[in-house]
Amino acid sequence: CSAAISACEKGGQWEMALHLLNTMTEDRIQTDTITFGAAISACENCAKWGEALWLLSAMMLNTVECNTITFNAAISGCAKASDWERAAHLFALMGQSMVELDGTTFLAAISAVERGNKWQEAVQLFSSMAPRRIDFNSNIFNVAISACERANEYKPALQFFEAMKQNQDEPD
């Protein structure tokens, strides 16, 4: 069933993914992080962030381990829905749950605050990457620059641009 849910994820069939997950639960077939992760990603890919968050909550209630991938998909869904506050909450919850943060985590979180016009939060998130030894890439730089640009904060935007050049990423 996990393979079928993964196929639904790839095919943009979020409703079928949820149906299969529900069928597994009804038939008492064991679900796991991979199964839920694929269903969350299917919802996230189709901008069904409410469903993705519901699935993440269901994982926690059923003591299914939440991992970096499941959290990243949920945070990304919040970013796409411009729900920066919920994305920030999930980001904090990841840290509290001792789930590893990676570049995708930061990209999704910075994207969420960028869409919420919260440039200062974007700067804070970006600044917290180096001490965690998270690699910077052009996508993260671009989202951080965009967050500053939206708020007409050109000084930090230019600082990000210069840092991107020093990081040897090609500016877009």
N, C-alpha and C. Protein backbone atom coordinates (compact mmCIF):
# COMPACT_ATOMS: atom_id res chain seq x y z
N CYS A 1 0.81 -1.21 0.00
CA CYS A 1 0.00 0.00 0.00
C CYS A 1 0.85 1.27 0.00
N SER A 2 2.02 1.21 0.65
CA SER A 2 2.90 2.39 0.66
C SER A 2 3.31 2.77 -0.75
N ALA A 3 3.58 1.76 -1.59
CA ALA A 3 3.97 2.03 -2.97
C ALA A 3 2.82 2.69 -3.73
N ALA A 4 1.60 2.26 -3.46
CA ALA A 4 0.43 2.86 -4.13
C ALA A 4 0.25 4.31 -3.70
N ILE A 5 0.46 4.59 -2.42
CA ILE A 5 0.33 5.96 -1.93
C ILE A 5 1.43 6.83 -2.53
N SER A 6 2.64 6.26 -2.65
CA SER A 6 3.74 7.00 -3.30
C SER A 6 3.41 7.29 -4.76
N ALA A 7 2.77 6.35 -5.42
CA ALA A 7 2.37 6.59 -6.82
C ALA A 7 1.33 7.70 -6.89
N CYS A 8 0.42 7.73 -5.92
CA CYS A 8 -0.58 8.81 -5.86
C CYS A 8 0.11 10.16 -5.66
N GLU A 9 1.13 10.16 -4.81
CA GLU A 9 1.90 11.39 -4.58
C GLU A 9 2.49 11.90 -5.88
N LYS A 10 3.14 11.01 -6.60
CA LYS A 10 3.79 11.39 -7.86
C LYS A 10 2.77 11.81 -8.93
N GLY A 11 1.57 11.22 -8.87
CA GLY A 11 0.54 11.52 -9.86
C GLY A 11 -0.40 12.63 -9.46
N GLY A 12 -0.15 13.26 -8.31
CA GLY A 12 -1.00 14.36 -7.88
C GLY A 12 -2.40 13.92 -7.44
N GLN A 13 -2.52 12.70 -7.00
CA GLN A 13 -3.81 12.14 -6.61
C GLN A 13 -3.95 12.13 -5.08
N TRP A 14 -4.04 13.30 -4.48
CA TRP A 14 -4.07 13.41 -3.02
C TRP A 14 -5.29 12.72 -2.42
N GLU A 15 -6.44 12.81 -3.10
CA GLU A 15 -7.65 12.18 -2.55
C GLU A 15 -7.51 10.67 -2.50
N MET A 16 -6.94 10.10 -3.54
CA MET A 16 -6.73 8.65 -3.57
C MET A 16 -5.70 8.25 -2.53
N ALA A 17 -4.68 9.07 -2.33
CA ALA A 17 -3.68 8.78 -1.30
C ALA A 17 -4.35 8.72 0.08
N LEU A 18 -5.22 9.69 0.37
CA LEU A 18 -5.92 9.69 1.65
C LEU A 18 -6.87 8.49 1.77
N HIS A 19 -7.51 8.16 0.66
CA HIS A 19 -8.41 7.00 0.66
C HIS A 19 -7.64 5.72 0.98
N LEU A 20 -6.49 5.56 0.34
CA LEU A 20 -5.69 4.36 0.58
C LEU A 20 -5.19 4.31 2.03
N LEU A 21 -4.76 5.45 2.54
CA LEU A 21 -4.30 5.50 3.93
C LEU A 21 -5.45 5.16 4.88
N ASN A 22 -6.62 5.69 4.60
CA ASN A 22 -7.80 5.39 5.42
C ASN A 22 -8.16 3.90 5.35
N THR A 23 -8.09 3.33 4.16
CA THR A 23 -8.36 1.91 3.98
C THR A 23 -7.37 1.06 4.77
N MET A 24 -6.11 1.47 4.75
CA MET A 24 -5.10 0.74 5.53
C MET A 24 -5.47 0.75 7.01
N THR A 25 -5.87 1.91 7.50
CA THR A 25 -6.23 2.03 8.92
C THR A 25 -7.45 1.17 9.23
N GLU A 26 -8.48 1.24 8.38
CA GLU A 26 -9.70 0.45 8.61
C GLU A 26 -9.42 -1.04 8.58
N ASP A 27 -8.51 -1.45 7.70
CA ASP A 27 -8.18 -2.87 7.57
C ASP A 27 -7.08 -3.29 8.53
N ARG A 28 -6.71 -2.39 9.42
CA ARG A 28 -5.68 -2.63 10.43
C ARG A 28 -4.33 -3.02 9.82
N ILE A 29 -4.04 -2.47 8.66
CA ILE A 29 -2.73 -2.64 8.04
C ILE A 29 -1.83 -1.57 8.64
N GLN A 30 -0.67 -1.96 9.11
CA GLN A 30 0.20 -1.03 9.81
C GLN A 30 0.66 0.10 8.89
N THR A 31 0.52 1.31 9.39
CA THR A 31 1.03 2.48 8.69
C THR A 31 2.33 2.90 9.34
N ASP A 32 3.16 3.62 8.59
CA ASP A 32 4.44 4.04 9.14
C ASP A 32 4.79 5.42 8.60
N THR A 33 5.99 5.85 8.93
CA THR A 33 6.46 7.17 8.53
C THR A 33 6.44 7.33 7.02
N ILE A 34 6.83 6.30 6.31
CA ILE A 34 6.88 6.38 4.84
C ILE A 34 5.48 6.53 4.27
N THR A 35 4.54 5.74 4.77
CA THR A 35 3.16 5.80 4.30
C THR A 35 2.57 7.18 4.52
N PHE A 36 2.68 7.67 5.76
CA PHE A 36 2.16 8.99 6.06
C PHE A 36 2.90 10.07 5.28
N GLY A 37 4.22 9.93 5.17
CA GLY A 37 5.02 10.91 4.45
C GLY A 37 4.59 11.06 3.01
N ALA A 38 4.32 9.93 2.36
CA ALA A 38 3.87 9.97 0.97
C ALA A 38 2.51 10.66 0.86
N ALA A 39 1.62 10.37 1.81
CA ALA A 39 0.29 11.00 1.79
C ALA A 39 0.40 12.51 2.06
N ILE A 40 1.27 12.89 3.01
CA ILE A 40 1.48 14.31 3.29
C ILE A 40 2.05 15.01 2.07
N SER A 41 3.02 14.39 1.42
CA SER A 41 3.61 14.99 0.22
C SER A 41 2.59 15.11 -0.90
N ALA A 42 1.70 14.12 -1.04
CA ALA A 42 0.65 14.20 -2.07
C ALA A 42 -0.24 15.41 -1.80
N CYS A 43 -0.59 15.62 -0.54
CA CYS A 43 -1.42 16.78 -0.18
C CYS A 43 -0.66 18.09 -0.40
N GLU A 44 0.58 18.12 0.02
CA GLU A 44 1.41 19.32 -0.14
C GLU A 44 1.57 19.68 -1.62
N ASN A 45 1.81 18.67 -2.45
CA ASN A 45 2.00 18.91 -3.89
C ASN A 45 0.75 19.47 -4.55
N CYS A 46 -0.40 19.19 -3.98
CA CYS A 46 -1.67 19.66 -4.55
C CYS A 46 -2.25 20.84 -3.77
N ALA A 47 -1.42 21.48 -2.95
CA ALA A 47 -1.82 22.66 -2.16
C ALA A 47 -2.95 22.36 -1.19
N LYS A 48 -2.98 21.16 -0.69
CA LYS A 48 -3.97 20.76 0.31
C LYS A 48 -3.29 20.76 1.67
N TRP A 49 -2.85 21.94 2.10
CA TRP A 49 -2.06 22.05 3.31
C TRP A 49 -2.85 21.68 4.56
N GLY A 50 -4.15 21.93 4.58
CA GLY A 50 -4.95 21.56 5.74
C GLY A 50 -4.94 20.06 5.96
N GLU A 51 -5.08 19.32 4.87
CA GLU A 51 -5.04 17.87 4.95
C GLU A 51 -3.66 17.39 5.36
N ALA A 52 -2.62 18.04 4.83
CA ALA A 52 -1.25 17.66 5.20
C ALA A 52 -1.03 17.85 6.70
N LEU A 53 -1.52 18.95 7.24
CA LEU A 53 -1.37 19.20 8.67
C LEU A 53 -2.18 18.21 9.49
N TRP A 54 -3.35 17.87 9.01
CA TRP A 54 -4.17 16.87 9.70
C TRP A 54 -3.43 15.54 9.76
N LEU A 55 -2.80 15.16 8.65
CA LEU A 55 -2.05 13.90 8.62
C LEU A 55 -0.86 13.94 9.58
N LEU A 56 -0.18 15.07 9.64
CA LEU A 56 0.94 15.20 10.57
C LEU A 56 0.45 15.04 12.01
N SER A 57 -0.68 15.65 12.31
CA SER A 57 -1.27 15.50 13.65
C SER A 57 -1.66 14.05 13.92
N ALA A 58 -2.23 13.40 12.91
CA ALA A 58 -2.61 11.99 13.06
C ALA A 58 -1.39 11.12 13.33
N MET A 59 -0.27 11.44 12.68
CA MET A 59 0.96 10.70 12.94
C MET A 59 1.34 10.81 14.41
N MET A 60 1.30 12.03 14.91
CA MET A 60 1.71 12.26 16.30
C MET A 60 0.75 11.56 17.27
N LEU A 61 -0.54 11.63 16.98
CA LEU A 61 -1.52 10.98 17.85
C LEU A 61 -1.36 9.46 17.85
N ASN A 62 -0.97 8.91 16.72
CA ASN A 62 -0.80 7.47 16.59
C ASN A 62 0.63 7.02 16.86
N THR A 63 1.41 7.93 17.40
CA THR A 63 2.82 7.69 17.73
C THR A 63 3.62 7.10 16.58
N VAL A 64 3.30 7.57 15.38
CA VAL A 64 4.11 7.24 14.21
C VAL A 64 5.20 8.30 14.17
N GLU A 65 6.44 7.87 13.99
CA GLU A 65 7.57 8.79 14.02
C GLU A 65 7.47 9.83 12.90
N CYS A 66 7.53 11.09 13.28
CA CYS A 66 7.60 12.17 12.30
C CYS A 66 9.07 12.41 12.01
N ASN A 67 9.41 12.55 10.75
CA ASN A 67 10.81 12.77 10.41
C ASN A 67 10.97 14.07 9.63
N THR A 68 12.17 14.32 9.20
CA THR A 68 12.48 15.55 8.47
C THR A 68 11.60 15.69 7.24
N ILE A 69 11.42 14.62 6.51
CA ILE A 69 10.65 14.68 5.26
C ILE A 69 9.19 15.03 5.53
N THR A 70 8.59 14.42 6.54
CA THR A 70 7.18 14.70 6.81
C THR A 70 6.99 16.13 7.29
N PHE A 71 7.87 16.59 8.17
CA PHE A 71 7.78 17.97 8.61
C PHE A 71 8.03 18.95 7.46
N ASN A 72 9.03 18.66 6.63
CA ASN A 72 9.34 19.56 5.52
C ASN A 72 8.15 19.71 4.58
N ALA A 73 7.48 18.60 4.30
CA ALA A 73 6.32 18.66 3.41
C ALA A 73 5.21 19.50 4.04
N ALA A 74 5.00 19.34 5.34
CA ALA A 74 3.96 20.12 6.02
C ALA A 74 4.33 21.61 6.05
N ILE A 75 5.58 21.92 6.33
CA ILE A 75 6.02 23.33 6.35
C ILE A 75 5.91 23.92 4.95
N SER A 76 6.29 23.16 3.96
CA SER A 76 6.19 23.63 2.57
C SER A 76 4.73 23.89 2.20
N GLY A 77 3.85 23.03 2.64
CA GLY A 77 2.41 23.24 2.39
C GLY A 77 1.93 24.53 3.03
N CYS A 78 2.39 24.80 4.24
CA CYS A 78 2.03 26.06 4.91
C CYS A 78 2.59 27.26 4.14
N ALA A 79 3.81 27.12 3.63
CA ALA A 79 4.40 28.21 2.85
C ALA A 79 3.56 28.49 1.61
N LYS A 80 3.16 27.44 0.92
CA LYS A 80 2.35 27.62 -0.29
C LYS A 80 1.00 28.26 0.01
N ALA A 81 0.51 28.05 1.24
CA ALA A 81 -0.77 28.63 1.65
C ALA A 81 -0.58 29.99 2.33
N SER A 82 0.65 30.47 2.35
CA SER A 82 1.00 31.75 3.01
C SER A 82 0.63 31.74 4.49
N ASP A 83 0.72 30.59 5.12
CA ASP A 83 0.44 30.47 6.55
C ASP A 83 1.77 30.40 7.30
N TRP A 84 2.43 31.56 7.40
CA TRP A 84 3.76 31.60 7.98
C TRP A 84 3.74 31.27 9.47
N GLU A 85 2.67 31.61 10.17
CA GLU A 85 2.63 31.34 11.60
C GLU A 85 2.61 29.84 11.88
N ARG A 86 1.81 29.12 11.12
CA ARG A 86 1.76 27.66 11.31
C ARG A 86 3.08 27.03 10.88
N ALA A 87 3.68 27.55 9.82
CA ALA A 87 4.99 27.04 9.40
C ALA A 87 6.03 27.27 10.49
N ALA A 88 6.00 28.45 11.10
CA ALA A 88 6.94 28.75 12.19
C ALA A 88 6.70 27.82 13.38
N HIS A 89 5.44 27.53 13.66
CA HIS A 89 5.12 26.61 14.75
C HIS A 89 5.69 25.22 14.46
N LEU A 90 5.50 24.74 13.24
CA LEU A 90 6.02 23.42 12.87
C LEU A 90 7.54 23.39 12.91
N PHE A 91 8.16 24.48 12.47
CA PHE A 91 9.62 24.58 12.52
C PHE A 91 10.10 24.45 13.96
N ALA A 92 9.44 25.17 14.87
CA ALA A 92 9.80 25.10 16.30
C ALA A 92 9.54 23.69 16.85
N LEU A 93 8.44 23.10 16.43
CA LEU A 93 8.10 21.75 16.89
C LEU A 93 9.15 20.73 16.44
N MET A 94 9.69 20.93 15.25
CA MET A 94 10.77 20.04 14.78
C MET A 94 11.94 20.07 15.74
N GLY A 95 12.34 21.29 16.12
CA GLY A 95 13.45 21.42 17.05
C GLY A 95 13.16 20.78 18.40
N GLN A 96 11.94 21.00 18.89
CA GLN A 96 11.55 20.41 20.17
C GLN A 96 11.49 18.89 20.10
N SER A 97 11.13 18.38 18.93
CA SER A 97 11.00 16.93 18.75
C SER A 97 12.32 16.27 18.41
N MET A 98 13.38 17.07 18.35
CA MET A 98 14.71 16.56 18.01
C MET A 98 14.77 15.95 16.61
N VAL A 99 13.95 16.48 15.71
CA VAL A 99 13.97 16.04 14.32
C VAL A 99 15.00 16.90 13.60
N GLU A 100 15.84 16.28 12.79
CA GLU A 100 16.92 16.98 12.11
C GLU A 100 16.38 18.03 11.13
N LEU A 101 16.92 19.23 11.23
CA LEU A 101 16.61 20.30 10.28
C LEU A 101 17.63 20.23 9.15
N ASP A 102 17.16 20.44 7.92
CA ASP A 102 18.08 20.44 6.79
C ASP A 102 17.82 21.66 5.91
N GLY A 103 18.52 21.73 4.80
CA GLY A 103 18.37 22.88 3.90
C GLY A 103 16.94 23.03 3.40
N THR A 104 16.27 21.92 3.15
CA THR A 104 14.88 21.97 2.69
C THR A 104 13.97 22.55 3.78
N THR A 105 14.26 22.21 5.03
CA THR A 105 13.50 22.75 6.15
C THR A 105 13.60 24.27 6.17
N PHE A 106 14.83 24.76 6.06
CA PHE A 106 15.04 26.20 6.10
C PHE A 106 14.45 26.89 4.87
N LEU A 107 14.58 26.27 3.71
CA LEU A 107 13.99 26.85 2.51
C LEU A 107 12.48 26.99 2.66
N ALA A 108 11.83 25.95 3.16
CA ALA A 108 10.38 25.99 3.34
C ALA A 108 9.98 27.03 4.38
N ALA A 109 10.72 27.08 5.49
CA ALA A 109 10.39 28.04 6.55
C ALA A 109 10.62 29.47 6.10
N ILE A 110 11.73 29.71 5.41
CA ILE A 110 12.02 31.06 4.92
C ILE A 110 11.01 31.46 3.85
N SER A 111 10.61 30.50 3.02
CA SER A 111 9.57 30.78 2.01
C SER A 111 8.26 31.18 2.68
N ALA A 112 7.93 30.50 3.76
CA ALA A 112 6.68 30.82 4.48
C ALA A 112 6.70 32.23 5.04
N VAL A 113 7.80 32.60 5.70
CA VAL A 113 7.84 33.95 6.28
C VAL A 113 7.97 35.00 5.19
N GLU A 114 8.61 34.65 4.09
CA GLU A 114 8.69 35.58 2.94
C GLU A 114 7.29 35.87 2.42
N ARG A 115 6.47 34.85 2.27
CA ARG A 115 5.10 35.04 1.78
C ARG A 115 4.23 35.78 2.79
N GLY A 116 4.62 35.71 4.06
CA GLY A 116 3.90 36.44 5.11
C GLY A 116 4.45 37.84 5.34
N ASN A 117 5.36 38.27 4.46
CA ASN A 117 5.99 39.60 4.56
C ASN A 117 6.68 39.80 5.91
N LYS A 118 7.37 38.78 6.37
CA LYS A 118 8.09 38.82 7.64
C LYS A 118 9.59 38.72 7.37
N TRP A 119 10.15 39.80 6.84
CA TRP A 119 11.55 39.78 6.43
C TRP A 119 12.50 39.56 7.61
N GLN A 120 12.16 40.10 8.78
CA GLN A 120 13.05 39.94 9.93
C GLN A 120 13.14 38.47 10.35
N GLU A 121 12.02 37.77 10.28
CA GLU A 121 12.03 36.34 10.59
C GLU A 121 12.86 35.58 9.56
N ALA A 122 12.79 36.01 8.29
CA ALA A 122 13.61 35.38 7.26
C ALA A 122 15.09 35.55 7.56
N VAL A 123 15.47 36.75 7.98
CA VAL A 123 16.86 37.02 8.33
C VAL A 123 17.28 36.16 9.52
N GLN A 124 16.41 36.06 10.52
CA GLN A 124 16.73 35.25 11.71
C GLN A 124 16.91 33.78 11.34
N LEU A 125 15.99 33.26 10.53
CA LEU A 125 16.10 31.87 10.12
C LEU A 125 17.40 31.64 9.34
N PHE A 126 17.67 32.53 8.41
CA PHE A 126 18.88 32.41 7.60
C PHE A 126 20.12 32.44 8.49
N SER A 127 20.13 33.35 9.45
CA SER A 127 21.28 33.50 10.35
C SER A 127 21.48 32.27 11.24
N SER A 128 20.42 31.53 11.48
CA SER A 128 20.55 30.35 12.35
C SER A 128 21.04 29.11 11.59
N MET A 129 21.24 29.24 10.28
CA MET A 129 21.67 28.09 9.50
C MET A 129 23.14 27.74 9.72
N ALA A 130 24.02 28.73 9.70
CA ALA A 130 25.46 28.47 9.79
C ALA A 130 25.85 27.73 11.07
N PRO A 131 25.36 28.16 12.25
CA PRO A 131 25.74 27.42 13.45
C PRO A 131 25.29 25.96 13.43
N ARG A 132 24.27 25.66 12.65
CA ARG A 132 23.78 24.28 12.53
C ARG A 132 24.47 23.52 11.41
N ARG A 133 25.38 24.21 10.73
CA ARG A 133 26.13 23.63 9.61
C ARG A 133 25.22 23.20 8.46
N ILE A 134 24.20 24.01 8.23
CA ILE A 134 23.29 23.77 7.10
C ILE A 134 23.89 24.45 5.88
N ASP A 135 23.97 23.73 4.78
CA ASP A 135 24.52 24.30 3.54
C ASP A 135 23.58 25.33 2.96
N PHE A 136 24.16 26.41 2.48
CA PHE A 136 23.41 27.44 1.80
C PHE A 136 23.37 27.09 0.32
N ASN A 137 22.26 27.43 -0.34
CA ASN A 137 22.21 27.28 -1.78
C ASN A 137 21.49 28.49 -2.37
N SER A 138 21.50 28.60 -3.67
CA SER A 138 20.94 29.79 -4.32
C SER A 138 19.45 29.94 -4.05
N ASN A 139 18.72 28.83 -3.90
CA ASN A 139 17.28 28.94 -3.61
C ASN A 139 17.04 29.62 -2.27
N ILE A 140 17.82 29.25 -1.27
CA ILE A 140 17.66 29.85 0.06
C ILE A 140 18.04 31.32 0.01
N PHE A 141 19.16 31.63 -0.65
CA PHE A 141 19.55 33.03 -0.80
C PHE A 141 18.46 33.83 -1.50
N ASN A 142 17.93 33.28 -2.59
CA ASN A 142 16.92 34.01 -3.37
C ASN A 142 15.65 34.28 -2.57
N VAL A 143 15.21 33.32 -1.78
CA VAL A 143 14.01 33.52 -0.97
C VAL A 143 14.28 34.57 0.12
N ALA A 144 15.46 34.51 0.73
CA ALA A 144 15.80 35.51 1.75
C ALA A 144 15.87 36.91 1.13
N ILE A 145 16.46 37.01 -0.05
CA ILE A 145 16.54 38.30 -0.75
C ILE A 145 15.13 38.78 -1.07
N SER A 146 14.29 37.89 -1.55
CA SER A 146 12.91 38.25 -1.89
C SER A 146 12.14 38.75 -0.67
N ALA A 147 12.36 38.12 0.49
CA ALA A 147 11.68 38.55 1.72
C ALA A 147 12.06 39.99 2.05
N CYS A 148 13.32 40.31 1.92
CA CYS A 148 13.78 41.67 2.20
C CYS A 148 13.27 42.65 1.15
N GLU A 149 13.29 42.24 -0.10
CA GLU A 149 12.83 43.10 -1.19
C GLU A 149 11.36 43.45 -1.04
N ARG A 150 10.54 42.47 -0.65
CA ARG A 150 9.11 42.72 -0.46
C ARG A 150 8.85 43.80 0.58
N ALA A 151 9.74 43.88 1.56
CA ALA A 151 9.58 44.85 2.65
C ALA A 151 10.38 46.13 2.39
N ASN A 152 10.91 46.26 1.17
CA ASN A 152 11.75 47.41 0.83
C ASN A 152 12.95 47.54 1.76
N GLU A 153 13.47 46.42 2.20
CA GLU A 153 14.65 46.39 3.06
C GLU A 153 15.83 45.98 2.18
N TYR A 154 16.39 46.99 1.50
CA TYR A 154 17.40 46.70 0.49
C TYR A 154 18.78 46.44 1.06
N LYS A 155 19.08 46.97 2.24
CA LYS A 155 20.40 46.73 2.82
C LYS A 155 20.61 45.24 3.11
N PRO A 156 19.70 44.58 3.86
CA PRO A 156 19.92 43.14 4.07
C PRO A 156 19.82 42.34 2.77
N ALA A 157 18.99 42.80 1.83
CA ALA A 157 18.90 42.09 0.54
C ALA A 157 20.26 42.12 -0.17
N LEU A 158 20.90 43.27 -0.16
CA LEU A 158 22.23 43.39 -0.79
C LEU A 158 23.27 42.57 -0.03
N GLN A 159 23.13 42.50 1.28
CA GLN A 159 24.05 41.67 2.07
C GLN A 159 23.90 40.19 1.71
N PHE A 160 22.66 39.75 1.53
CA PHE A 160 22.44 38.37 1.09
C PHE A 160 23.02 38.15 -0.29
N PHE A 161 22.85 39.12 -1.17
CA PHE A 161 23.38 39.00 -2.53
C PHE A 161 24.90 38.86 -2.50
N GLU A 162 25.56 39.69 -1.70
CA GLU A 162 27.03 39.61 -1.59
C GLU A 162 27.45 38.28 -0.98
N ALA A 163 26.72 37.82 0.03
CA ALA A 163 27.03 36.53 0.65
C ALA A 163 26.85 35.39 -0.36
N MET A 164 25.84 35.50 -1.21
CA MET A 164 25.60 34.48 -2.22
C MET A 164 26.79 34.42 -3.18
N LYS A 165 27.30 35.57 -3.58
CA LYS A 165 28.46 35.59 -4.47
C LYS A 165 29.68 34.97 -3.79
N GLN A 166 29.87 35.28 -2.49
CA GLN A 166 30.99 34.71 -1.74
C GLN A 166 30.83 33.20 -1.58
N ASN A 167 29.59 32.75 -1.52
CA ASN A 167 29.30 31.33 -1.40
C ASN A 167 29.46 30.62 -2.74
N GLN A 168 29.76 31.39 -3.76
CA GLN A 168 29.96 30.92 -5.13
C GLN A 168 28.73 30.34 -5.77
N ASP A 169 27.56 30.84 -5.33
CA ASP A 169 26.31 30.50 -6.00
C ASP A 169 26.05 31.58 -7.04
N GLU A 170 25.52 31.18 -8.16
CA GLU A 170 25.22 32.13 -9.21
C GLU A 170 23.91 32.86 -8.90
N PRO A 171 23.95 34.19 -8.81
CA PRO A 171 22.70 34.94 -8.59
C PRO A 171 21.76 34.77 -9.77
N ASP A 172 20.45 34.72 -9.47
CA ASP A 172 19.44 34.64 -10.54
C ASP A 172 19.08 36.04 -11.01
